[in-house]
């Protein structure tokens, strides 16, 4: 298995949007106030042109397996960045690919000089939450910043 990790390009937009929508339906979290209804979903390569952001993709033989990125979400404390849009196809789970994507994103956060990484999630994504906890993320009592994803009800923070 030869997994290629690379940064998002314009040609990836539709495949990535399709993958995210499939995963949201799989976990029955395809509802308002989530990435599922986010107007930027179909042109994520544009979103990640913002300074201090990056989005990593994993692919095998040209097939998109998943992605994860960091984004300086409006309203976050100074030095804090959000871990965003972390999704992995069902076929790619349990192989360490997600952990590698998350690690690349955390390393990018350090490279950009951030000292905290924040994320929002759902209890339905318990496997991912367990991975976040193993990576050192701690649960918070409420949201930070202005992601607009009001349906999320798990908030976590990693001190770098």
Protein backbone atom coordinates (compact mmCIF):
# COMPACT_ATOMS: atom_id res chain seq x y z
CA UNK A 1 0.00 0.00 0.00
CA UNK A 2 1.59 3.24 -1.14
CA UNK A 3 -0.15 6.26 0.35
CA UNK A 4 0.68 9.68 -1.05
CA UNK A 5 0.23 12.73 1.19
CA UNK A 6 -0.02 16.10 -0.51
CA UNK A 7 -1.62 19.51 -0.22
CA UNK A 8 -5.05 20.18 -1.73
CA UNK A 9 -5.32 21.43 -5.32
CA UNK A 10 -8.27 22.81 -7.28
CA UNK A 11 -8.71 19.47 -9.09
CA UNK A 12 -9.52 17.83 -5.71
CA UNK A 13 -12.53 20.00 -4.85
CA UNK A 14 -15.35 17.81 -6.16
CA UNK A 15 -13.92 14.47 -5.01
CA UNK A 16 -13.32 15.88 -1.53
CA UNK A 17 -16.80 17.43 -1.27
CA UNK A 18 -18.33 14.11 -2.39
CA UNK A 19 -16.27 12.13 0.15
CA UNK A 20 -17.24 14.45 3.03
CA UNK A 21 -20.94 14.25 2.13
CA UNK A 22 -20.82 10.42 2.02
CA UNK A 23 -19.18 10.30 5.47
CA UNK A 24 -21.72 12.72 6.98
CA UNK A 25 -24.58 10.55 5.69
CA UNK A 26 -22.82 7.40 6.94
CA UNK A 27 -22.74 8.79 10.51
CA UNK A 28 -26.18 10.47 10.18
CA UNK A 29 -24.75 13.92 10.97
CA UNK A 30 -25.80 15.46 7.63
CA UNK A 31 -27.65 18.38 9.20
CA UNK A 32 -27.62 22.18 9.32
CA UNK A 33 -24.88 23.79 11.39
CA UNK A 34 -22.24 21.36 10.15
CA UNK A 35 -19.70 21.24 7.34
CA UNK A 36 -22.38 19.33 5.39
CA UNK A 37 -24.25 22.57 4.67
CA UNK A 38 -21.17 24.81 4.61
CA UNK A 39 -21.21 27.01 1.45
CA UNK A 40 -17.43 26.57 1.02
CA UNK A 41 -17.68 22.78 0.70
CA UNK A 42 -17.36 22.67 -3.10
CA UNK A 43 -14.28 24.88 -3.36
CA UNK A 44 -12.09 23.97 -0.39
CA UNK A 45 -8.86 24.54 -2.30
CA UNK A 46 -9.75 28.27 -2.32
CA UNK A 47 -10.48 28.28 1.43
CA UNK A 48 -7.03 26.88 2.22
CA UNK A 49 -5.17 29.61 0.32
CA UNK A 50 -5.57 31.75 3.46
CA UNK A 51 -2.29 32.52 5.25
CA UNK A 52 -1.67 30.22 8.20
CA UNK A 53 -3.81 27.41 6.79
CA UNK A 54 -3.07 24.15 5.00
CA UNK A 55 -5.08 21.10 3.96
CA UNK A 56 -3.48 17.68 3.56
CA UNK A 57 -4.89 14.87 1.42
CA UNK A 58 -4.13 11.15 1.44
CA UNK A 59 -4.51 9.22 -1.78
CA UNK A 60 -3.64 5.81 -3.12
CA UNK A 61 -3.25 5.24 -6.86
CA UNK A 62 -5.00 8.55 -7.51
CA UNK A 63 -8.00 7.67 -5.31
CA UNK A 64 -8.78 10.16 -2.55
CA UNK A 65 -8.84 8.46 0.86
CA UNK A 66 -9.27 11.46 3.14
CA UNK A 67 -8.00 14.78 4.33
CA UNK A 68 -7.27 16.99 7.31
CA UNK A 69 -6.19 20.58 7.71
CA UNK A 70 -5.68 23.57 9.94
CA UNK A 71 -7.41 26.90 9.58
CA UNK A 72 -7.13 30.17 11.57
CA UNK A 73 -10.84 30.31 12.38
CA UNK A 74 -12.16 33.78 13.19
CA UNK A 75 -12.53 34.46 16.90
CA UNK A 76 -9.99 31.92 18.17
CA UNK A 77 -7.51 33.13 20.81
CA UNK A 78 -4.12 34.38 19.57
CA UNK A 79 -1.79 31.50 18.76
CA UNK A 80 -4.67 29.04 18.32
CA UNK A 81 -5.66 27.32 15.06
CA UNK A 82 -8.51 24.94 14.31
CA UNK A 83 -8.04 21.36 13.13
CA UNK A 84 -10.66 21.16 10.40
CA UNK A 85 -12.37 18.91 7.89
CA UNK A 86 -10.73 15.70 9.09
CA UNK A 87 -12.40 12.90 7.15
CA UNK A 88 -11.39 9.42 6.05
CA UNK A 89 -13.21 7.06 3.69
CA UNK A 90 -14.58 3.89 5.30
CA UNK A 91 -12.10 1.76 3.34
CA UNK A 92 -9.12 3.76 4.64
CA UNK A 93 -9.96 3.60 8.36
CA UNK A 94 -7.94 1.59 10.87
CA UNK A 95 -4.71 1.71 8.84
CA UNK A 96 -2.93 4.67 10.46
CA UNK A 97 -3.75 7.00 7.56
CA UNK A 98 -5.94 9.27 9.68
CA UNK A 99 -3.30 9.47 12.40
CA UNK A 100 -0.71 10.45 9.77
CA UNK A 101 -3.01 13.16 8.34
CA UNK A 102 -3.67 14.54 11.83
CA UNK A 103 0.06 14.51 12.63
CA UNK A 104 0.89 16.37 9.40
CA UNK A 105 -1.70 19.01 10.32
CA UNK A 106 -0.32 19.39 13.86
CA UNK A 107 3.22 19.67 12.49
CA UNK A 108 1.97 22.36 10.08
CA UNK A 109 0.43 24.23 13.03
CA UNK A 110 3.81 24.16 14.78
CA UNK A 111 5.55 25.26 11.57
CA UNK A 112 3.22 28.29 11.37
CA UNK A 113 3.99 29.13 15.01
CA UNK A 114 0.66 28.23 16.60
CA UNK A 115 0.77 27.00 20.19
CA UNK A 116 -2.74 25.53 20.47
CA UNK A 117 -4.92 23.41 18.18
CA UNK A 118 -8.69 23.46 18.68
CA UNK A 119 -11.29 21.13 17.15
CA UNK A 120 -15.03 20.55 17.06
CA UNK A 121 -16.66 17.16 16.64
CA UNK A 122 -19.67 14.93 17.41
CA UNK A 123 -20.13 12.06 19.88
CA UNK A 124 -21.03 9.85 16.88
CA UNK A 125 -17.40 10.13 15.77
CA UNK A 126 -16.17 8.28 18.89
CA UNK A 127 -13.26 6.56 17.13
CA UNK A 128 -11.88 9.94 16.04
CA UNK A 129 -12.43 11.40 19.52
CA UNK A 130 -10.42 8.51 21.01
CA UNK A 131 -7.62 9.26 18.55
CA UNK A 132 -7.69 12.96 19.52
CA UNK A 133 -7.46 12.04 23.20
CA UNK A 134 -4.47 9.74 22.53
CA UNK A 135 -2.81 12.65 20.71
CA UNK A 136 -3.19 14.82 23.82
CA UNK A 137 -6.36 16.79 23.07
CA UNK A 138 -8.42 17.68 26.17
CA UNK A 139 -12.17 18.24 26.22
CA UNK A 140 -13.53 21.76 26.70
CA UNK A 141 -16.86 22.84 28.19
CA UNK A 142 -17.79 25.01 25.21
CA UNK A 143 -16.89 26.25 21.77
CA UNK A 144 -14.04 28.61 20.88
CA UNK A 145 -14.07 30.90 17.88
CA UNK A 146 -16.73 31.42 15.23
CA UNK A 147 -16.74 28.31 13.04
CA UNK A 148 -20.48 28.61 12.42
CA UNK A 149 -20.84 24.87 13.10
CA UNK A 150 -23.36 25.26 15.90
CA UNK A 151 -24.46 21.61 15.72
CA UNK A 152 -21.07 20.35 16.95
CA UNK A 153 -21.13 19.52 20.64
CA UNK A 154 -17.67 18.10 21.34
CA UNK A 155 -14.88 20.69 21.69
CA UNK A 156 -11.23 19.81 22.31
CA UNK A 157 -7.89 21.62 22.65
CA UNK A 158 -4.29 20.50 22.23
CA UNK A 159 -1.50 22.56 23.77
CA UNK A 160 1.59 22.27 21.56
